[in-house]
Structures are given as C-alpha cells and as structure tokens.
C-alpha cells in the first residue's frame, strides 16, 4: 500500500507484500560449507534492473524513508561461494555474482555485488596475527601473576619480595588486600590519592552496566561481576601498582640492619635508686 501526501510520500507494506520481496538477509547453511576447499563469505549486493520494474520502484520508494525503513534496495547474503559455480578459476567476487544474480532472477531483478568480505575456510589457519599477539600477552601476564603470587605467598618475609614493588604489583595476594581494603579509612600514601578517581570510574562503570542490563532485560549481572573481579585483580590493580612503583623512582632499597645499642645506653639511669644505695653504704 502506498500513501501519497502533498509534500512527501509514505509507503507502508503489509505482511503479504513483504513476504513477496527479496529477503534483506539470507544465509547459506555454514555447516554445509565445511568441505575441503570450501569458502564462506559475507556478500553485499545492490538490486538493479535492466528494464522498468514496478517492484524495484516500490523498494526504492520504501527505502527512501531512511528514518523509518531499512534500505531494501541492498541485500546481504552469507554464501558458500565455492558452490556458486563449477568454474574454479574465477574469483570469489565472480562466484558470488552468479549466486545473487540467480537468486534475484526469481523476483525479476538483477543484483550487483558491492562487497565480498569476512571469507572463512576450514583450510585456513586458525587465528590472526592480532589474536596470536593477544594470546601471547595473556600467557605472559598469567605467568607474571602466578610467579609473583607464589613468591609472595611462600617467601613473604624475604627481602627480594618485600623490596621489589614491580613484583608485588602482579601478586594476587597483594592486589586482593588492596581490593578489599576499607575505603572509609584515611589514606596514608599521598601517591594513591592521585589515582583515587579510578574507584569512581569503576563505580560509574558498574552503574552503567546495571542500567544497560535492566534496560535490555538481561539477567546476567552476576556474570558481569564475576568477570569484573578477575579483570581488576589481573589488569587494573597491577597497572596502578606499576604506576606507583614508577613514580617512586625505582625499587625500594632493603632495610639496613639496626646498629646494636651501646651497653651504656641500654639501661636507664635511676637517680633515686642510686642515692639510696649510697646512703645504705
């Protein structure tokens, strides 16, 4: 149904008309594209027609209302491009063009492929360079945390642990003590006052997460907090402790041994007792 006004046209389509239009999205079965040499791609294509097409004109009029309607003159497909054609010498774009053209021929339309992206194949190597870099970073971070926590737990009184602030920055024992510290007590370290705003940022982030979950009717708040605690212990607190160690200008020197107290100063002089002893003599 098309309603035309004085200044603009308003197009509303009922369910029957919508069902007769080319689907905006359509995906081939990904599990059926896992054979040797198969390639699955995401394809964007624009609808065209070599002849006058009332259907294309309707879609163009419908899509012109961009604030209310999707652009139905452009379709999005997930295609197993290796099954679009028996010609193995052509490019993926040519194979995708054959697929979308064959699909749109049912509606009396043509299609022009715009993009062929996100292609995956069971023969391709798993992971990318960025994924490998992230995996290496996580493994190194976990190794630092385990080593620092073990040293701190087994050798708490050792000078190598107590004087090394960089090592303590990765200790779960140390960071858990900081995380559960009573914030109502006054801070004794002036340097920590400079990063006190991080607690406010954390509170605002948790508040925004709760608001988003309530708005979206998501009941996974416990999962959110279960994930946030390890992130704080493994990333946020070590970063703050490293910043604190760097601003102090290097590792803290080990405490020097106390000089023994001279025997003459070890005992206090009692004047009254001394006078009494002299009179008794």
Protein backbone atom coordinates (compact mmCIF):
# COMPACT_ATOMS: atom_id res chain seq x y z
CA UNK A 1 0.00 0.00 0.00
CA UNK A 2 1.34 3.45 -0.97
CA UNK A 3 0.01 6.67 0.55
CA UNK A 4 0.97 9.94 -1.16
CA UNK A 5 0.79 13.31 0.58
CA UNK A 6 1.23 16.89 -0.58
CA UNK A 7 4.91 17.16 0.34
CA UNK A 8 6.14 13.58 0.61
CA UNK A 9 5.09 10.00 0.04
CA UNK A 10 4.54 7.45 2.78
CA UNK A 11 4.97 3.79 1.91
CA UNK A 12 3.63 1.09 4.20
CA UNK A 13 3.77 -2.59 3.23
CA UNK A 14 1.59 -5.30 4.68
CA UNK A 15 2.83 -8.76 5.60
CA UNK A 16 1.79 -10.32 2.31
CA UNK A 17 3.70 -7.74 0.27
CA UNK A 18 6.75 -8.03 2.49
CA UNK A 19 6.79 -11.80 2.04
CA UNK A 20 6.93 -11.36 -1.74
CA UNK A 21 10.00 -9.09 -1.61
CA UNK A 22 13.61 -10.29 -1.76
CA UNK A 23 14.79 -11.04 1.80
CA UNK A 24 17.02 -8.35 3.25
CA UNK A 25 19.23 -11.00 4.88
CA UNK A 26 19.77 -14.63 3.97
CA UNK A 27 22.44 -17.12 4.98
CA UNK A 28 23.51 -20.39 3.46
CA UNK A 29 24.00 -23.24 5.91
CA UNK A 30 27.51 -22.69 7.22
CA UNK A 31 27.88 -26.34 8.27
CA UNK A 32 27.29 -27.41 4.67
CA UNK A 33 30.29 -25.31 3.61
CA UNK A 34 33.00 -27.12 5.57
CA UNK A 35 34.34 -29.40 2.88
CA UNK A 36 37.90 -29.29 1.55
CA UNK A 37 38.43 -26.03 -0.33
CA UNK A 38 35.06 -24.53 0.60
CA UNK A 39 34.92 -20.79 1.24
CA UNK A 40 32.09 -18.99 3.06
CA UNK A 41 31.78 -15.21 2.55
CA UNK A 42 29.51 -12.33 3.53
CA UNK A 43 28.27 -10.55 0.40
CA UNK A 44 26.57 -7.17 -0.06
CA UNK A 45 24.75 -6.52 -3.32
CA UNK A 46 22.62 -3.72 -4.79
CA UNK A 47 19.39 -4.56 -6.59
CA UNK A 48 19.16 -3.38 -10.19
CA UNK A 49 17.01 -3.96 -13.23
CA UNK A 50 17.71 -3.54 -16.96
CA UNK A 51 14.02 -2.90 -17.61
CA UNK A 52 11.33 -0.86 -15.90
CA UNK A 53 10.43 -2.74 -12.70
CA UNK A 54 7.49 -1.77 -10.50
CA UNK A 55 8.96 -3.93 -7.71
CA UNK A 56 12.27 -2.06 -7.78
CA UNK A 57 10.48 1.28 -7.82
CA UNK A 58 8.45 0.22 -4.80
CA UNK A 59 11.60 -0.82 -2.95
CA UNK A 60 13.30 2.47 -3.81
CA UNK A 61 10.31 4.48 -2.59
CA UNK A 62 10.09 2.38 0.56
CA UNK A 63 13.83 2.70 1.25
CA UNK A 64 13.83 6.47 0.75
CA UNK A 65 12.31 6.84 4.24
CA UNK A 66 15.64 6.25 5.92
CA UNK A 67 14.49 7.24 9.42
CA UNK A 68 11.86 4.50 9.49
CA UNK A 69 12.74 1.78 6.98
CA UNK A 70 15.73 -0.36 6.09
CA UNK A 71 17.35 0.03 2.72
CA UNK A 72 15.64 -2.81 0.86
CA UNK A 73 17.46 -1.96 -2.39
CA UNK A 74 20.59 -3.53 -0.92
CA UNK A 75 20.68 -7.16 0.16
CA UNK A 76 23.10 -9.03 2.41
CA UNK A 77 23.95 -12.67 1.95
CA UNK A 78 26.12 -15.32 3.54
CA UNK A 79 27.19 -17.54 0.65
CA UNK A 80 29.26 -20.64 0.17
CA UNK A 81 30.92 -19.08 -2.87
CA UNK A 82 32.69 -22.28 -3.90
CA UNK A 83 29.29 -23.86 -4.57
CA UNK A 84 28.00 -20.94 -6.66
CA UNK A 85 29.82 -22.10 -9.77
CA UNK A 86 31.73 -25.07 -11.10
CA UNK A 87 34.36 -22.73 -12.50
CA UNK A 88 37.25 -22.91 -10.04
CA UNK A 89 39.41 -20.44 -11.97
CA UNK A 90 37.21 -17.39 -11.32
CA UNK A 91 37.42 -15.04 -8.37
CA UNK A 92 35.23 -15.16 -5.30
CA UNK A 93 33.51 -11.99 -6.42
CA UNK A 94 32.52 -13.58 -9.76
CA UNK A 95 31.20 -16.67 -7.97
CA UNK A 96 29.17 -14.52 -5.56
CA UNK A 97 27.81 -12.53 -8.50
CA UNK A 98 26.47 -15.71 -10.06
CA UNK A 99 24.77 -16.70 -6.81
CA UNK A 100 22.97 -13.42 -6.12
CA UNK A 101 22.01 -13.00 -9.77
CA UNK A 102 20.44 -16.45 -9.78
CA UNK A 103 18.57 -15.70 -6.55
CA UNK A 104 17.20 -12.33 -7.75
CA UNK A 105 16.12 -13.71 -11.11
CA UNK A 106 13.13 -15.26 -9.31
CA UNK A 107 11.91 -11.73 -8.50
CA UNK A 108 12.57 -10.34 -11.99
CA UNK A 109 15.55 -8.32 -10.74
CA UNK A 110 19.30 -8.22 -11.14
CA UNK A 111 21.95 -7.64 -8.49
CA UNK A 112 25.39 -6.07 -8.50
CA UNK A 113 27.87 -7.32 -5.91
CA UNK A 114 29.35 -4.49 -3.85
CA UNK A 115 31.48 -6.26 -1.25
CA UNK A 116 32.77 -9.75 -0.57
CA UNK A 117 34.16 -9.79 2.97
CA UNK A 118 34.80 -11.99 6.02
CA UNK A 119 35.68 -15.06 3.99
CA UNK A 120 36.50 -18.15 6.02
CA UNK A 121 37.62 -21.61 5.05
CA UNK A 122 38.23 -24.80 7.02
CA UNK A 123 41.65 -24.93 5.33
CA UNK A 124 42.69 -21.50 6.60
CA UNK A 125 44.96 -21.19 9.60
CA UNK A 126 43.05 -20.58 12.83
CA UNK A 127 43.51 -17.15 14.35
CA UNK A 128 45.04 -13.96 13.03
CA UNK A 129 48.14 -12.00 13.94
CA UNK A 130 46.17 -9.89 16.41
CA UNK A 131 44.67 -12.98 18.04
CA UNK A 132 48.12 -14.55 18.41
CA UNK A 133 49.52 -11.35 19.92
CA UNK A 134 46.65 -11.25 22.41
CA UNK A 135 47.24 -14.90 23.31
CA UNK A 136 50.94 -14.25 23.92
CA UNK A 137 50.13 -11.22 26.06
CA UNK A 138 47.65 -13.23 28.17
CA UNK A 139 50.13 -16.07 28.67
CA UNK A 140 52.92 -13.66 29.72
CA UNK A 141 50.56 -11.80 32.06
CA UNK A 142 49.37 -15.05 33.63
CA UNK A 143 52.97 -16.22 34.09
CA UNK A 144 53.89 -12.95 35.85
CA UNK A 145 50.85 -13.22 38.11
CA UNK A 146 51.50 -16.85 39.07
CA UNK A 147 55.20 -16.26 39.72
CA UNK A 148 54.60 -13.11 41.78
CA UNK A 149 51.79 -14.69 43.79
CA UNK A 150 53.85 -17.82 44.53
CA UNK A 151 56.88 -15.80 45.66
CA UNK A 152 54.73 -13.51 47.77
CA UNK A 153 52.89 -16.41 49.41
CA UNK A 154 55.91 -18.67 50.02
CA UNK A 155 58.54 -16.06 50.77
CA UNK A 156 56.66 -13.14 52.28
CA UNK A 157 59.48 -12.14 54.61
CA UNK A 158 62.24 -12.36 52.01
CA UNK A 159 63.96 -9.13 51.06
CA UNK A 160 63.62 -9.93 47.34
CA UNK A 161 59.83 -9.80 47.70
CA UNK A 162 59.36 -7.06 50.24
CA UNK A 163 61.65 -4.61 48.44
CA UNK A 164 60.50 -5.31 44.85
CA UNK A 165 57.44 -3.21 44.13
CA UNK A 166 57.31 -4.34 40.49
CA UNK A 167 56.98 -7.95 41.62
CA UNK A 168 54.29 -7.13 44.19
CA UNK A 169 52.29 -5.30 41.52
CA UNK A 170 51.37 -8.69 39.99
CA UNK A 171 50.74 -10.54 43.26
CA UNK A 172 47.14 -11.68 43.69
CA UNK A 173 47.67 -11.70 47.45
CA UNK A 174 48.72 -8.05 47.43
CA UNK A 175 46.02 -6.95 44.99
CA UNK A 176 43.28 -8.79 46.89
CA UNK A 177 44.34 -6.94 50.03
CA UNK A 178 44.06 -3.65 48.13
CA UNK A 179 40.72 -4.60 46.58
CA UNK A 180 39.16 -5.48 49.95
CA UNK A 181 40.72 -2.52 51.78
CA UNK A 182 38.29 -0.42 53.84
CA UNK A 183 37.92 2.75 51.76
CA UNK A 184 36.46 4.65 54.74
CA UNK A 185 39.90 4.76 56.37
CA UNK A 186 42.07 7.79 55.55
CA UNK A 187 44.81 7.22 53.02
CA UNK A 188 48.36 7.38 54.32
CA UNK A 189 50.05 7.38 50.91
CA UNK A 190 49.77 10.67 49.05
CA UNK A 191 50.60 8.99 45.73
CA UNK A 192 47.49 6.81 45.93
CA UNK A 193 45.34 9.93 46.21
CA UNK A 194 46.27 10.74 42.61
CA UNK A 195 44.59 7.56 41.35
CA UNK A 196 41.64 7.62 43.76
CA UNK A 197 39.47 8.66 40.81
CA UNK A 198 39.79 5.08 39.48
CA UNK A 199 37.40 3.95 42.21
CA UNK A 200 34.84 6.46 40.98
CA UNK A 201 35.36 5.32 37.38
CA UNK A 202 34.81 1.72 38.49
CA UNK A 203 31.63 2.66 40.36
CA UNK A 204 30.26 4.56 37.34
CA UNK A 205 31.12 1.66 35.02
CA UNK A 206 29.28 -0.81 37.25
CA UNK A 207 26.31 1.54 37.47
CA UNK A 208 26.16 1.90 33.68
CA UNK A 209 26.42 -1.88 33.27
CA UNK A 210 23.48 -2.39 35.61
CA UNK A 211 21.42 0.25 33.82
CA UNK A 212 22.13 -1.37 30.45
CA UNK A 213 21.21 -4.82 31.76
CA UNK A 214 17.95 -3.57 33.27
CA UNK A 215 17.07 -1.69 30.08
CA UNK A 216 17.74 -4.77 27.93
CA UNK A 217 16.10 -7.13 30.44
CA UNK A 218 19.35 -9.05 30.80
CA UNK A 219 19.62 -11.12 33.96
CA UNK A 220 23.36 -11.72 33.83
CA UNK A 221 24.53 -9.16 36.38
CA UNK A 222 26.19 -11.88 38.48
CA UNK A 223 28.19 -12.94 35.41
CA UNK A 224 29.24 -9.31 34.86
CA UNK A 225 30.65 -9.01 38.36
CA UNK A 226 32.22 -12.47 38.18
CA UNK A 227 34.18 -11.29 35.14
CA UNK A 228 34.98 -7.82 36.51
CA UNK A 229 36.74 -9.09 39.65
CA UNK A 230 39.44 -11.07 37.75
CA UNK A 231 39.93 -8.11 35.41
CA UNK A 232 40.51 -5.81 38.36
CA UNK A 233 42.94 -8.25 40.00
CA UNK A 234 44.86 -9.11 36.83
CA UNK A 235 44.90 -5.81 34.92
CA UNK A 236 43.64 -2.73 36.76
CA UNK A 237 45.39 -3.13 40.12
CA UNK A 238 48.74 -4.29 38.61
CA UNK A 239 48.66 -1.23 36.34
CA UNK A 240 48.04 1.08 39.31
CA UNK A 241 50.78 -0.58 41.35
CA UNK A 242 53.24 -0.33 38.47
CA UNK A 243 52.41 3.36 38.09
CA UNK A 244 53.01 3.83 41.79
CA UNK A 245 56.35 2.00 41.59
CA UNK A 246 57.48 4.08 38.61
CA UNK A 247 56.60 7.37 40.28
CA UNK A 248 58.64 6.41 43.32
CA UNK A 249 61.73 6.20 41.17
CA UNK A 250 62.80 2.57 41.34
CA UNK A 251 62.76 -0.40 43.68
CA UNK A 252 62.74 0.27 47.40
CA UNK A 253 66.12 -0.49 49.00
CA UNK A 254 66.17 -3.31 51.55
CA UNK A 255 66.07 -2.15 55.17
CA UNK A 256 69.52 -1.75 56.69
CA UNK A 257 70.27 -3.79 59.80
CA UNK A 258 69.87 -1.93 63.06
CA UNK A 259 73.01 -0.89 64.85
CA UNK A 260 73.32 -2.58 68.25
CA UNK A 261 72.51 -0.38 71.22
CA UNK A 262 75.59 0.51 73.26
CA UNK A 263 75.61 -1.16 76.67
CA UNK A 264 75.95 2.20 78.39
CA UNK A 265 72.66 3.37 76.83
CA UNK A 266 70.81 0.09 77.10
CA UNK A 267 69.82 0.68 80.75
CA UNK A 268 68.11 3.82 82.03
CA UNK A 269 69.73 5.72 84.91
CA UNK A 270 67.61 5.79 88.10
CA UNK A 271 68.82 8.75 90.23
CA UNK A 272 66.67 7.90 93.29
CA UNK A 273 67.89 4.30 93.48
CA UNK A 274 71.48 5.47 93.10
CA UNK A 275 71.18 7.90 96.06
CA UNK A 276 69.56 5.24 98.26
CA UNK A 277 72.38 2.78 97.55
CA UNK A 278 74.97 5.38 98.54
CA UNK A 279 73.22 6.09 101.85
CA UNK A 280 72.93 2.38 102.63
CA UNK A 281 76.66 2.04 102.27
